[in-house]
Amino acid sequence: MPSVFAYSDYRAFMRDAFAEKKASSRFSWREFAKRAGYASPVFLKLVAEEKSSLSPEGIERVGLALGLTDKEQEFFRLLVPFTHETDNAKKQKLFNEMRKIAALCKNHVIEANLYDYYKEWHHSVIRELAPNVSSENEISKLLVPKIPLPQVKASIALLLKLGLLEKDSSGKYRQTNKHLTTGDNISSMAVRKHHENMGTLAVAALEAVSKEERDISGITMGLTKAGFEAVKAELANFRRRIKEIAVQSEGGDESVYRINLQLFPLSKTTRKTGGEQNEKV
C-alpha cells in the first residue's frame, strides 16, 4: 500500500490505496465501504472523487479498513483537516504537526522541502546572489534586511538539495534551469506565506529604502468583470516583459529586486464604476 506520509491530500491517498488493493485482489468500492462500516456502497468512492468528505468518525473507519498503523492513523487524522483547511495559519500548523509525526517514523512529508523554500523570503534572494559573490559571508552582508551567516548556509544547503543551485569544480555556485512545482495543497499554503513575507518587506522598504532606490506606486480604480480580466492579462504580459529585461541586463554589477503585483477588491460589486485615483509614495 502507498505510504500515507507521501500525500498532501487524503482523497489522492484513498484513490491510490484503493487502486493498489484492487490490482492484487477483487477489492471494490463496495467492499471498501463494507470494511469501513458504511451502508452506502459508493460513499467512499464519492469521497475519493471529492464529492463528499470524511467525518471524524469516518477518518477512524477508513484508517481501520486500510490497516493503517498507529502513527499512520495519527498522520491521517491530520491529513484530512489539512486537505480541507482554508485558513493559511491553521493549515501551516497542521502541516508542521504532520511533519513531526512523519519524522518520528523516519519518513518525510512530500514537498516539505519546497514548503521550506517558499515560506522564507531569503531563499529566492540568495539563489540570485550566490552566483555573483565570493562567499556565504558576503551574501549575509548584502541581504536587506541582513540575516545571520548560519541561516545563509542553511539556505544554500536547501537550494543545493532542491537542485536550484549547483556547485562547479572551482567551488562557484550557479543557478540551474530547474523550476519548482508543487501540489495544490502545499503550493497554495507556501506561496501565500511567501507573498505575505514579501509584502511585509515592501512595507518596511517605505522607510528603510530611499525613493531613489525604490518605486512604490498604486492605482485605486473601478473595474467591471471584463476590465478585471483585462488587467489580469496585462499583468501577466508585464511579468513576461520584466523577465526579459532581467535576462537582458545580466552580466554586470547587479542588486536583487522584488516586484509585488497585487490586484484585489476593496469593495463589493456595484452597478456603476467610477474613475481612478493614482498614488505614488
Protein backbone atom coordinates (compact mmCIF):
# COMPACT_ATOMS: atom_id res chain seq x y z
CA MET A 1 0.00 0.00 0.00
CA PRO A 2 1.29 3.53 -0.71
CA SER A 3 2.75 5.44 2.22
CA VAL A 4 0.26 7.92 3.64
CA PHE A 5 3.23 10.14 4.54
CA ALA A 6 3.77 10.81 0.84
CA TYR A 7 0.43 12.64 0.45
CA SER A 8 -0.84 16.17 0.98
CA ASP A 9 -4.44 15.27 0.01
CA TYR A 10 -6.21 12.37 1.69
CA ARG A 11 -8.51 11.82 -1.30
CA ALA A 12 -5.50 11.11 -3.51
CA PHE A 13 -4.21 8.66 -0.88
CA MET A 14 -7.58 6.87 -0.80
CA ARG A 15 -7.66 6.61 -4.61
CA ASP A 16 -4.14 5.18 -4.78
CA ALA A 17 -4.66 2.80 -1.84
CA PHE A 18 -7.86 1.53 -3.45
CA ALA A 19 -6.19 1.09 -6.86
CA GLU A 20 -3.32 -0.91 -5.34
CA LYS A 21 -5.65 -3.21 -3.41
CA LYS A 22 -7.87 -3.71 -6.45
CA ALA A 23 -4.86 -4.61 -8.61
CA SER A 24 -3.93 -7.52 -6.33
CA SER A 25 -7.40 -8.77 -5.34
CA ARG A 26 -11.11 -8.48 -6.13
CA PHE A 27 -11.32 -5.37 -3.97
CA SER A 28 -14.15 -2.96 -4.83
CA TRP A 29 -15.61 0.28 -3.53
CA ARG A 30 -18.47 -1.81 -2.13
CA GLU A 31 -16.01 -3.98 -0.24
CA PHE A 32 -14.08 -0.91 0.94
CA ALA A 33 -17.29 0.69 2.27
CA LYS A 34 -18.30 -2.57 3.94
CA ARG A 35 -14.96 -2.89 5.74
CA ALA A 36 -15.28 0.70 6.92
CA GLY A 37 -18.82 0.09 8.21
CA TYR A 38 -20.76 2.19 5.68
CA ALA A 39 -24.20 1.14 4.47
CA SER A 40 -23.78 3.04 1.20
CA PRO A 41 -21.55 1.05 -1.19
CA VAL A 42 -20.49 4.18 -3.06
CA PHE A 43 -19.86 6.64 -0.22
CA LEU A 44 -16.08 6.20 -0.12
CA LYS A 45 -15.94 6.40 -3.91
CA LEU A 46 -17.69 9.79 -3.64
CA VAL A 47 -15.14 10.88 -1.03
CA ALA A 48 -12.23 9.83 -3.24
CA GLU A 49 -13.82 11.71 -6.15
CA GLU A 50 -14.00 14.84 -3.94
CA LYS A 51 -17.80 14.83 -3.97
CA SER A 52 -18.10 14.18 -0.22
CA SER A 53 -15.83 14.22 2.82
CA LEU A 54 -14.96 12.20 5.90
CA SER A 55 -16.28 12.95 9.37
CA PRO A 56 -14.01 12.43 12.39
CA GLU A 57 -15.64 9.01 12.85
CA GLY A 58 -15.15 8.29 9.16
CA ILE A 59 -11.44 9.02 9.47
CA GLU A 60 -11.14 6.26 12.05
CA ARG A 61 -13.22 3.85 9.97
CA VAL A 62 -11.18 4.37 6.80
CA GLY A 63 -7.88 4.06 8.64
CA LEU A 64 -9.03 0.78 10.17
CA ALA A 65 -10.29 -0.54 6.80
CA LEU A 66 -6.93 0.26 5.19
CA GLY A 67 -4.95 -1.30 8.04
CA LEU A 68 -3.04 1.85 8.97
CA THR A 69 -0.57 1.63 11.86
CA ASP A 70 -0.99 3.86 14.90
CA LYS A 71 1.39 6.53 13.58
CA GLU A 72 -0.05 6.32 10.07
CA GLN A 73 -3.52 6.79 11.52
CA GLU A 74 -2.29 9.73 13.60
CA PHE A 75 -0.95 11.30 10.40
CA PHE A 76 -4.20 10.53 8.54
CA ARG A 77 -6.22 12.29 11.28
CA LEU A 78 -4.28 15.46 10.47
CA LEU A 79 -4.19 14.93 6.71
CA VAL A 80 -7.99 15.08 6.39
CA PRO A 81 -8.48 18.50 8.02
CA PHE A 82 -5.28 19.73 6.33
CA THR A 83 -6.81 18.92 2.94
CA HIS A 84 -9.95 20.95 3.69
CA GLU A 85 -8.48 23.83 5.74
CA THR A 86 -8.65 27.24 4.04
CA ASP A 87 -7.10 29.35 6.80
CA ASN A 88 -3.38 29.57 5.98
CA ALA A 89 -2.17 29.85 9.59
CA LYS A 90 -4.19 26.81 10.66
CA LYS A 91 -3.05 24.90 7.58
CA GLN A 92 0.60 25.61 8.41
CA LYS A 93 0.08 24.41 11.98
CA LEU A 94 -1.42 21.13 10.75
CA PHE A 95 1.42 20.72 8.26
CA ASN A 96 4.07 21.17 10.94
CA GLU A 97 2.35 18.55 13.12
CA MET A 98 2.25 16.16 10.14
CA ARG A 99 5.98 16.63 9.58
CA LYS A 100 6.75 15.80 13.21
CA ILE A 101 4.83 12.52 13.02
CA ALA A 102 6.48 11.60 9.71
CA ALA A 103 9.93 12.36 11.15
CA LEU A 104 9.30 10.04 14.10
CA CYS A 105 8.63 7.27 11.59
CA LYS A 106 11.77 8.19 9.62
CA ASN A 107 9.64 9.40 6.73
CA HIS A 108 9.33 12.83 5.17
CA VAL A 109 6.22 14.66 4.04
CA ILE A 110 6.28 15.02 0.27
CA GLU A 111 7.14 18.53 -0.91
CA ALA A 112 8.23 19.57 2.59
CA ASN A 113 11.47 20.98 1.21
CA LEU A 114 9.51 23.04 -1.32
CA TYR A 115 7.40 24.39 1.51
CA ASP A 116 10.61 25.35 3.34
CA TYR A 117 11.81 27.17 0.22
CA TYR A 118 8.69 29.28 -0.19
CA LYS A 119 8.00 30.09 3.44
CA GLU A 120 11.18 32.19 3.89
CA TRP A 121 11.79 35.29 1.77
CA HIS A 122 15.56 34.98 1.66
CA HIS A 123 15.85 31.65 -0.20
CA SER A 124 14.88 33.13 -3.57
CA VAL A 125 17.13 36.15 -2.96
CA ILE A 126 20.13 34.00 -2.06
CA ARG A 127 19.56 31.97 -5.22
CA GLU A 128 20.02 35.18 -7.20
CA LEU A 129 23.01 36.39 -5.18
CA ALA A 130 25.04 33.20 -4.82
CA PRO A 131 26.47 33.02 -8.38
CA ASN A 132 27.72 36.62 -8.18
CA VAL A 133 29.55 36.69 -4.84
CA SER A 134 32.68 35.04 -3.50
CA SER A 135 31.49 33.77 -0.11
CA GLU A 136 28.50 32.99 2.08
CA ASN A 137 29.68 35.67 4.49
CA GLU A 138 29.39 38.24 1.70
CA ILE A 139 25.83 37.09 0.98
CA SER A 140 24.94 37.64 4.62
CA LYS A 141 26.24 41.22 4.46
CA LEU A 142 24.48 42.04 1.16
CA LEU A 143 20.98 40.89 2.15
CA VAL A 144 18.45 43.60 3.03
CA PRO A 145 17.48 43.02 5.76
CA LYS A 146 20.64 41.20 6.80
CA ILE A 147 20.32 37.63 8.09
CA PRO A 148 22.88 35.64 10.16
CA LEU A 149 25.54 33.56 8.42
CA PRO A 150 24.17 30.20 9.73
CA GLN A 151 20.84 30.98 8.01
CA VAL A 152 22.64 31.75 4.77
CA LYS A 153 24.49 28.42 4.94
CA ALA A 154 21.24 26.57 5.68
CA SER A 155 19.57 28.33 2.75
CA ILE A 156 22.33 27.36 0.33
CA ALA A 157 22.15 23.76 1.57
CA LEU A 158 18.40 23.75 0.81
CA LEU A 159 18.92 25.28 -2.64
CA LEU A 160 21.52 22.63 -3.45
CA LYS A 161 19.21 19.88 -2.19
CA LEU A 162 16.35 21.15 -4.34
CA GLY A 163 18.63 21.41 -7.36
CA LEU A 164 18.07 25.16 -7.69
CA LEU A 165 21.79 25.82 -7.26
CA GLU A 166 24.77 23.70 -8.18
CA LYS A 167 28.45 23.99 -7.34
CA ASP A 168 31.10 23.66 -10.03
CA SER A 169 34.62 22.22 -9.66
CA SER A 170 36.03 25.61 -8.68
CA GLY A 171 33.55 25.95 -5.80
CA LYS A 172 31.45 28.63 -7.53
CA TYR A 173 27.67 28.46 -7.34
CA ARG A 174 25.48 28.73 -10.39
CA GLN A 175 21.74 28.62 -10.98
CA THR A 176 20.13 25.66 -12.70
CA ASN A 177 17.16 25.86 -15.05
CA LYS A 178 15.05 23.77 -12.70
CA HIS A 179 11.56 25.07 -11.91
CA LEU A 180 9.69 24.26 -8.73
CA THR A 181 6.34 22.52 -8.96
CA THR A 182 4.12 21.62 -6.02
CA GLY A 183 0.76 20.05 -5.38
CA ASP A 184 -2.14 22.42 -4.84
CA ASN A 185 -2.29 21.95 -1.06
CA ILE A 186 1.40 22.65 -0.39
CA SER A 187 1.74 25.22 -3.12
CA SER A 188 -1.14 27.44 -2.04
CA MET A 189 -0.10 27.37 1.61
CA ALA A 190 3.58 28.07 0.96
CA VAL A 191 3.12 30.66 -1.79
CA ARG A 192 0.65 32.58 0.34
CA LYS A 193 3.27 32.75 3.08
CA HIS A 194 5.85 33.86 0.51
CA HIS A 195 3.62 36.69 -0.70
CA GLU A 196 2.92 37.68 2.89
CA ASN A 197 6.65 37.87 3.66
CA MET A 198 7.39 39.87 0.51
CA GLY A 199 4.51 42.22 1.29
CA THR A 200 5.97 42.83 4.75
CA LEU A 201 9.35 43.64 3.18
CA ALA A 202 7.68 46.09 0.79
CA VAL A 203 6.08 47.94 3.71
CA ALA A 204 9.43 48.07 5.52
CA ALA A 205 11.08 49.44 2.36
CA LEU A 206 8.90 52.56 2.57
CA GLU A 207 11.04 53.71 5.48
CA ALA A 208 14.23 51.70 5.09
CA VAL A 209 14.96 52.36 1.40
CA SER A 210 15.34 55.79 -0.21
CA LYS A 211 12.99 56.86 -3.02
CA GLU A 212 15.92 56.81 -5.43
CA GLU A 213 16.32 53.07 -4.87
CA ARG A 214 12.68 52.00 -4.99
CA ASP A 215 9.47 52.63 -6.89
CA ILE A 216 6.27 52.03 -4.95
CA SER A 217 3.02 53.13 -6.53
CA GLY A 218 -0.60 52.07 -6.83
CA ILE A 219 -3.94 52.75 -8.51
CA THR A 220 -7.38 52.62 -6.91
CA MET A 221 -9.99 52.21 -9.66
CA GLY A 222 -13.40 50.88 -10.56
CA LEU A 223 -13.43 47.82 -12.84
CA THR A 224 -16.09 45.74 -14.49
CA LYS A 225 -15.62 41.96 -14.57
CA ALA A 226 -14.32 42.28 -18.13
CA GLY A 227 -11.99 45.09 -17.06
CA PHE A 228 -10.68 42.96 -14.18
CA GLU A 229 -9.86 40.09 -16.55
CA ALA A 230 -8.19 42.51 -18.97
CA VAL A 231 -5.98 43.90 -16.20
CA LYS A 232 -5.03 40.36 -15.10
CA ALA A 233 -3.99 39.56 -18.67
CA GLU A 234 -1.98 42.77 -18.86
CA LEU A 235 -0.22 41.93 -15.59
CA ALA A 236 0.72 38.51 -16.99
CA ASN A 237 2.20 40.16 -20.09
CA PHE A 238 4.00 42.66 -17.87
CA ARG A 239 5.60 39.85 -15.84
CA ARG A 240 6.91 38.28 -19.05
CA ARG A 241 8.37 41.59 -20.24
CA ILE A 242 10.06 42.17 -16.88
CA LYS A 243 11.65 38.71 -17.03
CA GLU A 244 13.03 39.55 -20.49
CA ILE A 245 14.52 42.79 -19.17
CA ALA A 246 16.14 40.89 -16.28
CA VAL A 247 17.70 38.37 -18.67
CA GLN A 248 19.00 41.14 -20.94
CA SER A 249 20.58 43.01 -18.02
CA GLU A 250 22.72 40.05 -16.88
CA GLY A 251 26.49 40.32 -16.95
CA GLY A 252 27.24 43.47 -14.97
CA ASP A 253 27.06 44.55 -11.33
CA GLU A 254 23.58 43.95 -10.02
CA SER A 255 21.32 44.03 -6.97
CA VAL A 256 18.37 41.73 -6.30
CA TYR A 257 14.98 43.44 -6.55
CA ARG A 258 11.44 42.30 -5.86
CA ILE A 259 8.29 43.39 -7.69
CA ASN A 260 4.99 42.68 -5.95
CA LEU A 261 1.96 42.75 -8.26
CA GLN A 262 -1.29 42.89 -6.29
CA LEU A 263 -4.79 43.26 -7.69
CA PHE A 264 -7.58 42.80 -5.17
CA PRO A 265 -11.09 44.18 -4.42
CA LEU A 266 -11.65 47.00 -1.93
CA SER A 267 -15.44 46.93 -2.25
CA LYS A 268 -18.32 44.67 -3.18
CA THR A 269 -19.74 44.91 -6.70
CA THR A 270 -21.86 47.92 -7.65
CA ARG A 271 -23.69 48.65 -10.90
CA LYS A 272 -21.58 51.67 -11.78
CA THR A 273 -17.82 52.16 -11.91
CA GLY A 274 -16.09 55.43 -11.23
CA GLY A 275 -12.79 56.93 -12.27
CA GLU A 276 -9.35 56.14 -10.95
CA GLN A 277 -7.00 57.63 -8.37
CA ASN A 278 -3.24 57.46 -8.76
CA GLU A 279 -0.95 57.28 -5.76
CA LYS A 280 2.82 57.30 -5.52
CA VAL A 281 4.92 57.33 -2.35
